């Protein structure tokens, strides 16, 4: 399994930080998708592969989470895909057994993680060595009325309401995550937002992507 490492400098930073801080890397189940999960947002999944059905059942039984990570090359089914090096911890918040035997689940994003190493063979669950990726920097603005109005407009859509996301409009960082989730951005641009660890730079990147959508 190969990782797509968009920033070798960041990879070195994580290794160095782990060595200096004594952080212990965790081993987590990875769920490779053609989707990006942001902290505080929710996505719906339809599970049909036996390995993932068993994984979700174990997570529900043991109240465990897993890592959702964007595929950089390959497919969700079949050969083990290549994945990006930053994903999001996911927790199942709702589930439903479908008449056709498929499992429908809704997961909510938690902290972002850096994935330094993966292992797994065809037909097996993909495992990854992960380390929590912390935000840095300070937002120069405490709020953005324009972004809040846009988010409120998007949240009126029935499909968005059905997701049941609770967004703190007083937290500009949470507003940025929610808009990154709801706006029709490419998966590459969504991943760029997810990987940006500086709060102010992430806000400016969202502004830039929003302007590109309007042009």
N, C-alpha and C. Protein backbone atom coordinates (compact mmCIF):
# COMPACT_ATOMS: atom_id res chain seq x y z
N UNK A 1 0.85 -1.19 0.00
CA UNK A 1 0.00 0.00 0.00
C UNK A 1 0.88 1.23 0.00
N UNK A 2 0.63 2.16 -0.92
CA UNK A 2 1.39 3.40 -0.97
C UNK A 2 0.51 4.55 -0.52
N UNK A 3 1.12 5.46 0.21
CA UNK A 3 0.42 6.68 0.63
C UNK A 3 0.73 7.79 -0.34
N UNK A 4 -0.26 8.64 -0.61
CA UNK A 4 -0.02 9.85 -1.38
C UNK A 4 0.32 10.95 -0.39
N UNK A 5 1.58 11.37 -0.35
CA UNK A 5 2.03 12.35 0.63
C UNK A 5 2.15 13.71 -0.05
N UNK A 6 1.15 14.59 0.11
CA UNK A 6 1.16 15.88 -0.57
C UNK A 6 2.23 16.81 -0.04
N UNK A 7 2.68 16.58 1.16
CA UNK A 7 3.67 17.47 1.74
C UNK A 7 4.69 16.66 2.52
N UNK A 8 5.86 16.42 1.93
CA UNK A 8 6.89 15.69 2.62
C UNK A 8 7.37 16.45 3.84
N UNK A 9 7.33 17.79 3.75
CA UNK A 9 7.71 18.60 4.89
C UNK A 9 6.82 18.35 6.08
N UNK A 10 5.52 18.21 5.83
CA UNK A 10 4.61 17.94 6.94
C UNK A 10 4.85 16.56 7.51
N UNK A 11 5.16 15.59 6.65
CA UNK A 11 5.43 14.23 7.13
C UNK A 11 6.62 14.25 8.08
N UNK A 12 7.66 14.99 7.71
CA UNK A 12 8.83 15.11 8.59
C UNK A 12 8.46 15.82 9.88
N UNK A 13 7.58 16.81 9.77
CA UNK A 13 7.14 17.56 10.96
C UNK A 13 6.44 16.64 11.95
N UNK A 14 5.55 15.77 11.42
CA UNK A 14 4.80 14.87 12.29
C UNK A 14 5.72 13.90 12.99
N UNK A 15 6.69 13.32 12.22
CA UNK A 15 7.63 12.38 12.82
C UNK A 15 8.44 13.06 13.90
N UNK A 16 8.93 14.27 13.60
CA UNK A 16 9.74 15.01 14.56
C UNK A 16 8.93 15.36 15.80
N UNK A 17 7.66 15.79 15.60
CA UNK A 17 6.82 16.15 16.74
C UNK A 17 6.55 14.93 17.61
N UNK A 18 6.34 13.78 16.97
CA UNK A 18 6.09 12.57 17.72
C UNK A 18 7.28 12.19 18.57
N UNK A 19 8.50 12.35 18.00
CA UNK A 19 9.70 12.01 18.73
C UNK A 19 9.92 12.95 19.91
N UNK A 20 9.67 14.25 19.69
CA UNK A 20 9.92 15.23 20.73
C UNK A 20 8.86 15.19 21.83
N UNK A 21 7.61 14.91 21.47
CA UNK A 21 6.52 14.96 22.44
C UNK A 21 6.22 13.61 23.07
N UNK A 22 6.81 12.55 22.51
CA UNK A 22 6.54 11.23 23.05
C UNK A 22 5.17 10.70 22.66
N UNK A 23 4.56 11.27 21.61
CA UNK A 23 3.25 10.82 21.17
C UNK A 23 3.36 9.39 20.62
N UNK A 24 2.46 8.53 21.03
CA UNK A 24 2.44 7.16 20.56
C UNK A 24 1.46 7.05 19.39
N UNK A 25 1.95 6.53 18.28
CA UNK A 25 1.08 6.35 17.13
C UNK A 25 0.04 5.27 17.43
N UNK A 26 -1.18 5.48 16.96
CA UNK A 26 -2.26 4.51 17.15
C UNK A 26 -2.48 3.72 15.86
N UNK A 27 -2.93 2.49 16.00
CA UNK A 27 -3.30 1.68 14.85
C UNK A 27 -4.81 1.71 14.73
N UNK A 28 -5.30 2.17 13.57
CA UNK A 28 -6.74 2.31 13.35
C UNK A 28 -7.15 1.66 12.04
N UNK A 29 -8.41 1.24 11.97
CA UNK A 29 -8.98 0.76 10.72
C UNK A 29 -9.21 1.96 9.81
N UNK A 30 -8.82 1.84 8.55
CA UNK A 30 -9.04 2.89 7.56
C UNK A 30 -10.21 2.51 6.67
N UNK A 31 -11.03 3.51 6.33
CA UNK A 31 -12.15 3.30 5.41
C UNK A 31 -11.90 4.21 4.21
N UNK A 32 -11.27 3.69 3.14
CA UNK A 32 -10.97 4.51 1.96
C UNK A 32 -12.25 4.81 1.17
N UNK A 33 -12.46 6.09 0.85
CA UNK A 33 -13.66 6.50 0.13
C UNK A 33 -13.30 7.54 -0.93
N UNK A 34 -14.21 7.72 -1.87
CA UNK A 34 -14.12 8.85 -2.79
C UNK A 34 -14.90 10.01 -2.17
N UNK A 35 -14.60 10.31 -0.94
CA UNK A 35 -15.28 11.38 -0.20
C UNK A 35 -14.37 11.86 0.91
N UNK A 36 -14.56 13.11 1.32
CA UNK A 36 -13.80 13.70 2.42
C UNK A 36 -14.76 13.96 3.57
N UNK A 37 -14.37 13.53 4.75
CA UNK A 37 -15.15 13.79 5.96
C UNK A 37 -14.44 14.87 6.77
N UNK A 38 -15.17 15.95 7.08
CA UNK A 38 -14.60 17.04 7.87
C UNK A 38 -15.02 16.91 9.34
N UNK A 39 -14.22 17.45 10.24
CA UNK A 39 -14.61 17.45 11.66
C UNK A 39 -15.97 18.13 11.86
N UNK A 40 -16.83 17.49 12.64
CA UNK A 40 -18.13 18.07 12.96
C UNK A 40 -19.18 17.91 11.89
N UNK A 41 -18.85 17.29 10.78
CA UNK A 41 -19.82 17.08 9.69
C UNK A 41 -20.21 15.61 9.62
N UNK A 42 -21.24 15.32 8.82
CA UNK A 42 -21.74 13.96 8.72
C UNK A 42 -21.89 13.53 7.27
N UNK A 43 -21.62 12.25 7.01
CA UNK A 43 -21.86 11.69 5.70
C UNK A 43 -22.58 10.34 5.87
N UNK A 44 -23.36 9.98 4.86
CA UNK A 44 -24.09 8.72 4.88
C UNK A 44 -23.34 7.68 4.05
N UNK A 45 -23.28 6.47 4.56
CA UNK A 45 -22.59 5.38 3.87
C UNK A 45 -23.52 4.19 3.72
N UNK A 46 -23.39 3.49 2.60
CA UNK A 46 -24.12 2.23 2.40
C UNK A 46 -23.08 1.12 2.35
N UNK A 47 -23.12 0.25 3.33
CA UNK A 47 -22.10 -0.78 3.50
C UNK A 47 -22.60 -2.09 2.92
N UNK A 48 -21.82 -2.69 2.01
CA UNK A 48 -22.21 -3.97 1.43
C UNK A 48 -21.10 -5.00 1.45
N UNK A 49 -19.83 -4.57 1.50
CA UNK A 49 -18.74 -5.54 1.57
C UNK A 49 -18.71 -6.18 2.96
N UNK A 50 -18.51 -7.48 3.01
CA UNK A 50 -18.57 -8.22 4.27
C UNK A 50 -17.56 -7.69 5.29
N UNK A 51 -16.35 -7.35 4.82
CA UNK A 51 -15.32 -6.88 5.76
C UNK A 51 -15.75 -5.60 6.44
N UNK A 52 -16.44 -4.72 5.70
CA UNK A 52 -16.87 -3.46 6.30
C UNK A 52 -18.15 -3.63 7.12
N UNK A 53 -18.98 -4.59 6.75
CA UNK A 53 -20.14 -4.90 7.58
C UNK A 53 -19.69 -5.36 8.96
N UNK A 54 -18.68 -6.25 8.97
CA UNK A 54 -18.16 -6.74 10.25
C UNK A 54 -17.48 -5.61 11.02
N UNK A 55 -16.78 -4.73 10.31
CA UNK A 55 -16.11 -3.61 10.96
C UNK A 55 -17.11 -2.70 11.65
N UNK A 56 -18.19 -2.34 10.94
CA UNK A 56 -19.19 -1.45 11.51
C UNK A 56 -19.86 -2.11 12.71
N UNK A 57 -20.16 -3.40 12.60
CA UNK A 57 -20.76 -4.11 13.73
C UNK A 57 -19.85 -4.10 14.95
N UNK A 58 -18.55 -4.31 14.73
CA UNK A 58 -17.59 -4.27 15.83
C UNK A 58 -17.50 -2.87 16.44
N UNK A 59 -17.53 -1.85 15.58
CA UNK A 59 -17.47 -0.47 16.07
C UNK A 59 -18.68 -0.14 16.93
N UNK A 60 -19.87 -0.59 16.49
CA UNK A 60 -21.09 -0.34 17.26
C UNK A 60 -21.06 -1.10 18.58
N UNK A 61 -20.61 -2.34 18.53
CA UNK A 61 -20.58 -3.18 19.73
C UNK A 61 -19.61 -2.66 20.77
N UNK A 62 -18.44 -2.23 20.31
CA UNK A 62 -17.36 -1.82 21.22
C UNK A 62 -17.20 -0.31 21.35
N UNK A 63 -18.14 0.44 20.71
CA UNK A 63 -18.09 1.91 20.73
C UNK A 63 -16.73 2.43 20.28
N UNK A 64 -16.28 1.88 19.17
CA UNK A 64 -15.00 2.28 18.60
C UNK A 64 -15.23 3.14 17.36
N UNK A 65 -14.19 3.81 16.92
CA UNK A 65 -14.27 4.60 15.70
C UNK A 65 -13.29 4.08 14.67
N UNK A 66 -13.28 4.70 13.50
CA UNK A 66 -12.37 4.33 12.43
C UNK A 66 -12.00 5.60 11.68
N UNK A 67 -11.14 5.47 10.69
CA UNK A 67 -10.63 6.64 9.96
C UNK A 67 -11.16 6.64 8.53
N UNK A 68 -11.86 7.71 8.18
CA UNK A 68 -12.28 7.91 6.79
C UNK A 68 -11.17 8.69 6.07
N UNK A 69 -10.74 8.18 4.94
CA UNK A 69 -9.65 8.82 4.21
C UNK A 69 -9.95 8.79 2.72
N UNK A 70 -9.60 9.87 2.04
CA UNK A 70 -9.85 10.00 0.61
C UNK A 70 -8.90 9.13 -0.20
N UNK A 71 -9.44 8.45 -1.20
CA UNK A 71 -8.63 7.65 -2.12
C UNK A 71 -7.91 8.58 -3.10
N UNK A 72 -6.61 8.38 -3.24
CA UNK A 72 -5.85 9.17 -4.21
C UNK A 72 -5.73 8.45 -5.55
N UNK A 73 -5.78 7.11 -5.51
CA UNK A 73 -5.71 6.33 -6.75
C UNK A 73 -6.34 4.97 -6.48
N UNK A 74 -7.30 4.59 -7.33
CA UNK A 74 -7.94 3.30 -7.16
C UNK A 74 -9.43 3.46 -6.90
N UNK A 75 -10.06 2.35 -6.51
CA UNK A 75 -11.49 2.31 -6.30
C UNK A 75 -11.81 1.87 -4.87
N UNK A 76 -13.07 2.09 -4.49
CA UNK A 76 -13.50 1.69 -3.15
C UNK A 76 -13.63 0.18 -3.03
N UNK A 77 -13.89 -0.48 -4.15
CA UNK A 77 -14.08 -1.93 -4.16
C UNK A 77 -12.99 -2.58 -5.00
N UNK A 78 -12.50 -3.73 -4.54
CA UNK A 78 -11.51 -4.46 -5.32
C UNK A 78 -10.11 -4.30 -4.76
N UNK A 79 -9.16 -4.00 -5.65
CA UNK A 79 -7.77 -3.86 -5.24
C UNK A 79 -7.60 -2.76 -4.21
N UNK A 80 -6.64 -2.96 -3.30
CA UNK A 80 -6.39 -1.97 -2.26
C UNK A 80 -5.96 -0.65 -2.88
N UNK A 81 -6.67 0.45 -2.60
CA UNK A 81 -6.33 1.73 -3.24
C UNK A 81 -5.20 2.46 -2.52
N UNK A 82 -4.66 3.46 -3.19
CA UNK A 82 -3.75 4.40 -2.54
C UNK A 82 -4.60 5.48 -1.87
N UNK A 83 -4.15 5.96 -0.74
CA UNK A 83 -4.92 6.96 0.00
C UNK A 83 -4.06 8.16 0.35
N UNK A 84 -4.73 9.28 0.63
CA UNK A 84 -4.03 10.48 1.09
C UNK A 84 -3.52 10.26 2.52
N UNK A 85 -2.66 11.12 2.96
CA UNK A 85 -2.01 10.93 4.25
C UNK A 85 -2.72 11.61 5.41
N UNK A 86 -3.82 12.32 5.13
CA UNK A 86 -4.60 12.96 6.19
C UNK A 86 -6.05 12.52 6.07
N UNK A 87 -6.60 11.99 7.15
CA UNK A 87 -7.99 11.56 7.18
C UNK A 87 -8.67 12.09 8.43
N UNK A 88 -9.87 11.58 8.68
CA UNK A 88 -10.67 12.07 9.81
C UNK A 88 -11.24 10.90 10.60
N UNK A 89 -11.14 11.01 11.90
CA UNK A 89 -11.73 9.98 12.77
C UNK A 89 -13.25 10.04 12.64
N UNK A 90 -13.87 8.88 12.47
CA UNK A 90 -15.31 8.80 12.23
C UNK A 90 -16.00 7.97 13.31
N UNK A 91 -17.19 8.42 13.70
CA UNK A 91 -18.00 7.72 14.70
C UNK A 91 -19.40 7.50 14.13
N UNK A 92 -19.91 6.29 14.27
CA UNK A 92 -21.26 5.98 13.79
C UNK A 92 -22.28 6.61 14.73
N UNK A 93 -23.15 7.46 14.19
CA UNK A 93 -24.16 8.13 15.01
C UNK A 93 -25.56 7.62 14.73
N UNK A 94 -25.74 6.89 13.61
CA UNK A 94 -27.04 6.31 13.30
C UNK A 94 -26.83 5.19 12.29
N UNK A 95 -27.70 4.19 12.33
CA UNK A 95 -27.58 3.09 11.39
C UNK A 95 -28.94 2.45 11.16
N UNK A 96 -29.05 1.75 10.03
CA UNK A 96 -30.31 1.11 9.68
C UNK A 96 -30.04 -0.06 8.75
N UNK A 97 -30.59 -1.23 9.09
CA UNK A 97 -30.45 -2.41 8.25
C UNK A 97 -31.47 -2.34 7.13
N UNK A 98 -31.00 -2.33 5.87
CA UNK A 98 -31.88 -2.21 4.72
C UNK A 98 -32.50 -3.56 4.37
N UNK A 99 -33.67 -3.57 3.69
CA UNK A 99 -34.33 -4.82 3.29
C UNK A 99 -33.45 -5.71 2.41
N UNK A 100 -32.54 -5.09 1.63
CA UNK A 100 -31.68 -5.87 0.74
C UNK A 100 -30.44 -6.41 1.44
N UNK A 101 -30.36 -6.19 2.76
CA UNK A 101 -29.23 -6.69 3.52
C UNK A 101 -28.10 -5.70 3.69
N UNK A 102 -28.14 -4.61 2.94
CA UNK A 102 -27.11 -3.58 3.08
C UNK A 102 -27.31 -2.83 4.39
N UNK A 103 -26.22 -2.26 4.87
CA UNK A 103 -26.27 -1.48 6.10
C UNK A 103 -26.10 0.00 5.77
N UNK A 104 -27.07 0.80 6.18
CA UNK A 104 -26.99 2.24 5.98
C UNK A 104 -26.56 2.89 7.28
N UNK A 105 -25.47 3.65 7.24
CA UNK A 105 -24.96 4.29 8.46
C UNK A 105 -24.68 5.76 8.20
N UNK A 106 -24.77 6.55 9.25
CA UNK A 106 -24.35 7.95 9.22
C UNK A 106 -23.19 8.10 10.18
N UNK A 107 -22.11 8.66 9.70
CA UNK A 107 -20.93 8.86 10.54
C UNK A 107 -20.64 10.34 10.71
N UNK A 108 -20.07 10.68 11.84
CA UNK A 108 -19.72 12.07 12.15
C UNK A 108 -18.22 12.18 12.32
N UNK A 109 -17.67 13.25 11.76
CA UNK A 109 -16.23 13.45 11.80
C UNK A 109 -15.75 14.00 13.13
N UNK A 110 -14.63 13.47 13.60
CA UNK A 110 -13.98 13.96 14.82
C UNK A 110 -12.68 14.64 14.47
N UNK A 111 -11.61 14.27 15.15
CA UNK A 111 -10.32 14.90 14.91
C UNK A 111 -9.69 14.42 13.61
N UNK A 112 -8.85 15.26 13.04
CA UNK A 112 -8.08 14.88 11.86
C UNK A 112 -6.86 14.08 12.31
N UNK A 113 -6.41 13.17 11.45
CA UNK A 113 -5.24 12.37 11.78
C UNK A 113 -4.29 12.33 10.60
N UNK A 114 -3.01 12.20 10.92
CA UNK A 114 -1.98 11.96 9.91
C UNK A 114 -1.72 10.47 9.86
N UNK A 115 -1.73 9.91 8.67
CA UNK A 115 -1.53 8.47 8.47
C UNK A 115 -0.11 8.26 7.96
N UNK A 116 0.73 7.67 8.78
CA UNK A 116 2.14 7.55 8.42
C UNK A 116 2.47 6.23 7.74
N UNK A 117 1.64 5.21 7.96
CA UNK A 117 1.94 3.90 7.40
C UNK A 117 0.66 3.09 7.31
N UNK A 118 0.53 2.29 6.26
CA UNK A 118 -0.66 1.46 6.11
C UNK A 118 -0.25 0.02 5.85
N UNK A 119 -1.16 -0.89 6.14
CA UNK A 119 -0.93 -2.30 5.87
C UNK A 119 -2.26 -2.98 5.61
N UNK A 120 -2.25 -3.99 4.77
CA UNK A 120 -3.48 -4.71 4.46
C UNK A 120 -3.38 -5.35 3.10
N UNK A 121 -3.99 -6.51 2.97
CA UNK A 121 -3.99 -7.25 1.71
C UNK A 121 -5.39 -7.25 1.11
N UNK A 122 -5.48 -7.68 -0.13
CA UNK A 122 -6.76 -7.73 -0.82
C UNK A 122 -7.77 -8.53 -0.02
N UNK A 123 -8.94 -7.93 0.19
CA UNK A 123 -9.99 -8.61 0.94
C UNK A 123 -9.94 -8.39 2.43
N UNK A 124 -8.86 -7.76 2.91
CA UNK A 124 -8.72 -7.49 4.33
C UNK A 124 -9.00 -6.02 4.61
N UNK A 125 -9.23 -5.72 5.88
CA UNK A 125 -9.36 -4.32 6.28
C UNK A 125 -8.01 -3.62 6.16
N UNK A 126 -8.04 -2.38 5.72
CA UNK A 126 -6.82 -1.59 5.62
C UNK A 126 -6.56 -0.94 6.98
N UNK A 127 -5.38 -1.14 7.51
CA UNK A 127 -5.00 -0.58 8.81
C UNK A 127 -3.99 0.54 8.60
N UNK A 128 -3.98 1.50 9.53
CA UNK A 128 -3.05 2.60 9.42
C UNK A 128 -2.51 3.05 10.75
N UNK A 129 -1.23 3.45 10.76
CA UNK A 129 -0.62 4.06 11.94
C UNK A 129 -0.96 5.55 11.90
N UNK A 130 -1.66 6.05 12.92
CA UNK A 130 -2.16 7.42 12.87
C UNK A 130 -1.70 8.24 14.08
N UNK A 131 -1.67 9.53 13.87
CA UNK A 131 -1.33 10.49 14.91
C UNK A 131 -2.25 11.69 14.73
N UNK A 132 -2.87 12.15 15.81
CA UNK A 132 -3.79 13.29 15.74
C UNK A 132 -3.08 14.51 15.18
N UNK A 133 -3.77 15.20 14.27
CA UNK A 133 -3.22 16.42 13.66
C UNK A 133 -3.91 17.62 14.27
N UNK A 134 -3.16 18.41 15.03
CA UNK A 134 -3.73 19.54 15.75
C UNK A 134 -3.70 20.82 14.90
N UNK A 135 -4.71 21.66 15.10
CA UNK A 135 -4.73 22.97 14.45
C UNK A 135 -3.69 23.88 15.08
N UNK A 136 -3.30 24.89 14.32
CA UNK A 136 -2.41 25.92 14.85
C UNK A 136 -2.87 27.26 14.29
N UNK A 137 -2.26 28.32 14.76
CA UNK A 137 -2.61 29.65 14.28
C UNK A 137 -3.90 30.17 14.89
N UNK A 138 -4.13 31.46 14.68
CA UNK A 138 -5.31 32.14 15.24
C UNK A 138 -6.07 32.82 14.11
N UNK A 139 -7.39 32.67 14.13
CA UNK A 139 -8.21 33.36 13.15
C UNK A 139 -8.22 34.85 13.44
N UNK A 140 -8.00 35.66 12.40
CA UNK A 140 -7.97 37.11 12.58
C UNK A 140 -9.37 37.66 12.78
N UNK A 141 -10.39 36.94 12.29
CA UNK A 141 -11.78 37.32 12.50
C UNK A 141 -12.46 36.31 13.42
N UNK A 142 -13.35 36.79 14.27
CA UNK A 142 -14.08 35.88 15.15
C UNK A 142 -15.35 35.37 14.47
N UNK A 143 -15.79 36.08 13.44
CA UNK A 143 -17.00 35.67 12.72
C UNK A 143 -16.96 36.22 11.30
N UNK A 144 -17.84 35.71 10.45
CA UNK A 144 -17.93 36.17 9.07
C UNK A 144 -19.40 36.08 8.69
N UNK A 145 -20.07 37.22 8.68
CA UNK A 145 -21.52 37.24 8.46
C UNK A 145 -21.89 36.66 7.10
N UNK A 146 -21.08 36.91 6.08
CA UNK A 146 -21.38 36.40 4.75
C UNK A 146 -21.36 34.88 4.71
N UNK A 147 -20.34 34.29 5.34
CA UNK A 147 -20.24 32.83 5.36
C UNK A 147 -21.37 32.22 6.18
N UNK A 148 -21.73 32.86 7.26
CA UNK A 148 -22.82 32.35 8.10
C UNK A 148 -24.13 32.38 7.33
N UNK A 149 -24.40 33.46 6.60
CA UNK A 149 -25.62 33.55 5.81
C UNK A 149 -25.67 32.47 4.74
N UNK A 150 -24.53 32.21 4.11
CA UNK A 150 -24.46 31.17 3.09
C UNK A 150 -24.72 29.80 3.71
N UNK A 151 -24.12 29.54 4.85
CA UNK A 151 -24.31 28.26 5.53
C UNK A 151 -25.76 28.07 5.95
N UNK A 152 -26.36 29.11 6.48
CA UNK A 152 -27.77 29.02 6.90
C UNK A 152 -28.67 28.73 5.70
N UNK A 153 -28.35 29.32 4.56
CA UNK A 153 -29.13 29.07 3.34
C UNK A 153 -29.00 27.62 2.91
N UNK A 154 -27.78 27.10 2.94
CA UNK A 154 -27.55 25.71 2.55
C UNK A 154 -28.24 24.75 3.50
N UNK A 155 -28.30 25.11 4.76
CA UNK A 155 -28.89 24.21 5.76
C UNK A 155 -30.41 24.12 5.66
N UNK A 156 -31.03 24.99 4.89
CA UNK A 156 -32.47 24.91 4.72
C UNK A 156 -32.87 23.78 3.78
N UNK A 157 -31.90 23.25 3.04
CA UNK A 157 -32.22 22.16 2.11
C UNK A 157 -32.58 20.91 2.90
N UNK A 158 -33.67 20.23 2.51
CA UNK A 158 -34.12 19.04 3.25
C UNK A 158 -33.04 17.96 3.41
N UNK A 159 -32.24 17.75 2.37
CA UNK A 159 -31.20 16.73 2.45
C UNK A 159 -30.14 17.09 3.48
N UNK A 160 -29.86 18.38 3.61
CA UNK A 160 -28.88 18.83 4.60
C UNK A 160 -29.49 18.73 6.00
N UNK A 161 -30.75 19.12 6.13
CA UNK A 161 -31.43 19.01 7.42
C UNK A 161 -31.47 17.57 7.91
N UNK A 162 -31.61 16.63 6.97
CA UNK A 162 -31.69 15.22 7.33
C UNK A 162 -30.39 14.71 7.93
N UNK A 163 -29.28 15.39 7.67
CA UNK A 163 -28.00 14.96 8.22
C UNK A 163 -27.91 15.23 9.72
N UNK A 164 -28.71 16.18 10.21
CA UNK A 164 -28.75 16.44 11.64
C UNK A 164 -27.47 17.03 12.20
N UNK A 165 -26.76 17.82 11.42
CA UNK A 165 -25.52 18.42 11.91
C UNK A 165 -25.80 19.59 12.84
N UNK A 166 -25.12 19.62 13.97
CA UNK A 166 -25.23 20.73 14.92
C UNK A 166 -24.00 21.62 14.73
N UNK A 167 -24.21 22.82 14.20
CA UNK A 167 -23.10 23.72 13.89
C UNK A 167 -23.13 24.92 14.81
N UNK A 168 -22.00 25.23 15.39
CA UNK A 168 -21.86 26.41 16.24
C UNK A 168 -21.49 27.60 15.35
N UNK A 169 -22.46 28.46 15.07
CA UNK A 169 -22.22 29.60 14.18
C UNK A 169 -21.27 30.64 14.79
N UNK A 170 -21.04 30.54 16.10
CA UNK A 170 -20.10 31.46 16.74
C UNK A 170 -18.66 30.98 16.61
N UNK A 171 -18.49 29.78 16.09
CA UNK A 171 -17.16 29.21 15.88
C UNK A 171 -16.85 29.25 14.39
N UNK A 172 -16.04 30.22 13.98
CA UNK A 172 -15.75 30.40 12.55
C UNK A 172 -15.07 29.17 11.97
N UNK A 173 -14.26 28.50 12.77
CA UNK A 173 -13.59 27.30 12.30
C UNK A 173 -14.61 26.21 11.96
N UNK A 174 -15.65 26.08 12.79
CA UNK A 174 -16.71 25.10 12.53
C UNK A 174 -17.51 25.49 11.28
N UNK A 175 -17.70 26.78 11.07
CA UNK A 175 -18.40 27.26 9.87
C UNK A 175 -17.61 26.90 8.61
N UNK A 176 -16.29 27.06 8.68
CA UNK A 176 -15.43 26.72 7.55
C UNK A 176 -15.53 25.23 7.23
N UNK A 177 -15.48 24.39 8.26
CA UNK A 177 -15.59 22.94 8.05
C UNK A 177 -16.94 22.61 7.41
N UNK A 178 -18.02 23.19 7.92
CA UNK A 178 -19.36 22.88 7.41
C UNK A 178 -19.51 23.30 5.95
N UNK A 179 -19.00 24.47 5.60
CA UNK A 179 -19.09 24.93 4.21
C UNK A 179 -18.21 24.07 3.30
N UNK A 180 -17.05 23.66 3.79
CA UNK A 180 -16.21 22.77 3.01
C UNK A 180 -16.93 21.48 2.68
N UNK A 181 -17.75 21.05 3.62
CA UNK A 181 -18.54 19.83 3.45
C UNK A 181 -19.69 20.03 2.45
N UNK A 182 -20.39 21.15 2.54
CA UNK A 182 -21.62 21.36 1.77
C UNK A 182 -21.42 21.97 0.39
N UNK A 183 -20.38 22.75 0.21
CA UNK A 183 -20.16 23.40 -1.08
C UNK A 183 -19.74 22.39 -2.15
N UNK A 184 -20.11 22.64 -3.42
CA UNK A 184 -19.77 21.71 -4.51
C UNK A 184 -18.31 21.85 -4.95
N UNK A 185 -17.41 21.56 -4.05
CA UNK A 185 -15.98 21.62 -4.33
C UNK A 185 -15.50 20.26 -4.84
N UNK A 186 -14.41 20.28 -5.58
CA UNK A 186 -13.81 19.01 -6.00
C UNK A 186 -13.24 18.31 -4.77
N UNK A 187 -13.09 17.00 -4.86
CA UNK A 187 -12.54 16.25 -3.74
C UNK A 187 -11.10 16.67 -3.45
N UNK A 188 -10.38 17.05 -4.48
CA UNK A 188 -9.00 17.52 -4.28
C UNK A 188 -9.00 18.80 -3.45
N UNK A 189 -9.93 19.72 -3.75
CA UNK A 189 -10.00 20.97 -3.00
C UNK A 189 -10.49 20.71 -1.57
N UNK A 190 -11.41 19.79 -1.41
CA UNK A 190 -11.85 19.44 -0.06
C UNK A 190 -10.68 18.88 0.74
N UNK A 191 -9.87 18.06 0.10
CA UNK A 191 -8.71 17.49 0.78
C UNK A 191 -7.71 18.57 1.15
N UNK A 192 -7.56 19.57 0.29
CA UNK A 192 -6.67 20.69 0.60
C UNK A 192 -7.13 21.39 1.88
N UNK A 193 -8.43 21.59 2.02
CA UNK A 193 -8.96 22.20 3.24
C UNK A 193 -8.68 21.33 4.45
N UNK A 194 -8.89 20.03 4.29
CA UNK A 194 -8.69 19.12 5.42
C UNK A 194 -7.24 19.10 5.86
N UNK A 195 -6.32 19.19 4.92
CA UNK A 195 -4.90 19.09 5.25
C UNK A 195 -4.32 20.38 5.83
N UNK A 196 -4.99 21.50 5.59
CA UNK A 196 -4.47 22.78 6.08
C UNK A 196 -4.61 22.86 7.60
N UNK A 197 -3.50 22.91 8.32
CA UNK A 197 -3.55 22.89 9.78
C UNK A 197 -3.57 24.28 10.40
N UNK A 198 -3.34 25.32 9.61
CA UNK A 198 -3.40 26.69 10.12
C UNK A 198 -4.82 27.23 9.94
N UNK A 199 -5.47 27.63 11.01
CA UNK A 199 -6.87 28.06 10.96
C UNK A 199 -7.08 29.24 10.01
N UNK A 200 -6.20 30.25 10.07
CA UNK A 200 -6.35 31.42 9.23
C UNK A 200 -6.15 31.07 7.76
N UNK A 201 -5.14 30.26 7.46
CA UNK A 201 -4.89 29.87 6.07
C UNK A 201 -6.03 29.02 5.52
N UNK A 202 -6.65 28.20 6.38
CA UNK A 202 -7.79 27.39 5.96
C UNK A 202 -8.98 28.28 5.62
N UNK A 203 -9.20 29.29 6.43
CA UNK A 203 -10.29 30.25 6.18
C UNK A 203 -10.05 30.98 4.86
N UNK A 204 -8.83 31.43 4.63
CA UNK A 204 -8.51 32.13 3.39
C UNK A 204 -8.63 31.21 2.19
N UNK A 205 -8.26 29.94 2.36
CA UNK A 205 -8.39 28.97 1.26
C UNK A 205 -9.86 28.77 0.92
N UNK A 206 -10.72 28.66 1.93
CA UNK A 206 -12.15 28.51 1.66
C UNK A 206 -12.68 29.73 0.92
N UNK A 207 -12.26 30.90 1.33
CA UNK A 207 -12.66 32.14 0.66
C UNK A 207 -12.24 32.12 -0.80
N UNK A 208 -11.04 31.66 -1.05
CA UNK A 208 -10.50 31.58 -2.42
C UNK A 208 -11.32 30.59 -3.25
N UNK A 209 -11.63 29.44 -2.67
CA UNK A 209 -12.40 28.43 -3.39
C UNK A 209 -13.84 28.91 -3.64
N UNK A 210 -14.39 29.64 -2.70
CA UNK A 210 -15.75 30.19 -2.84
C UNK A 210 -15.77 31.22 -3.97
N UNK A 211 -14.75 32.04 -4.04
CA UNK A 211 -14.67 33.05 -5.09
C UNK A 211 -14.57 32.36 -6.46
N UNK A 212 -13.83 31.27 -6.52
CA UNK A 212 -13.69 30.53 -7.79
C UNK A 212 -15.03 29.93 -8.22
N UNK A 213 -15.85 29.52 -7.26
CA UNK A 213 -17.17 28.99 -7.59
C UNK A 213 -18.07 30.07 -8.16
N UNK A 214 -17.91 31.29 -7.64
CA UNK A 214 -18.77 32.42 -8.06
C UNK A 214 -18.36 32.98 -9.41
N UNK A 215 -17.12 32.74 -9.81
CA UNK A 215 -16.62 33.34 -11.05
C UNK A 215 -17.07 32.59 -12.29
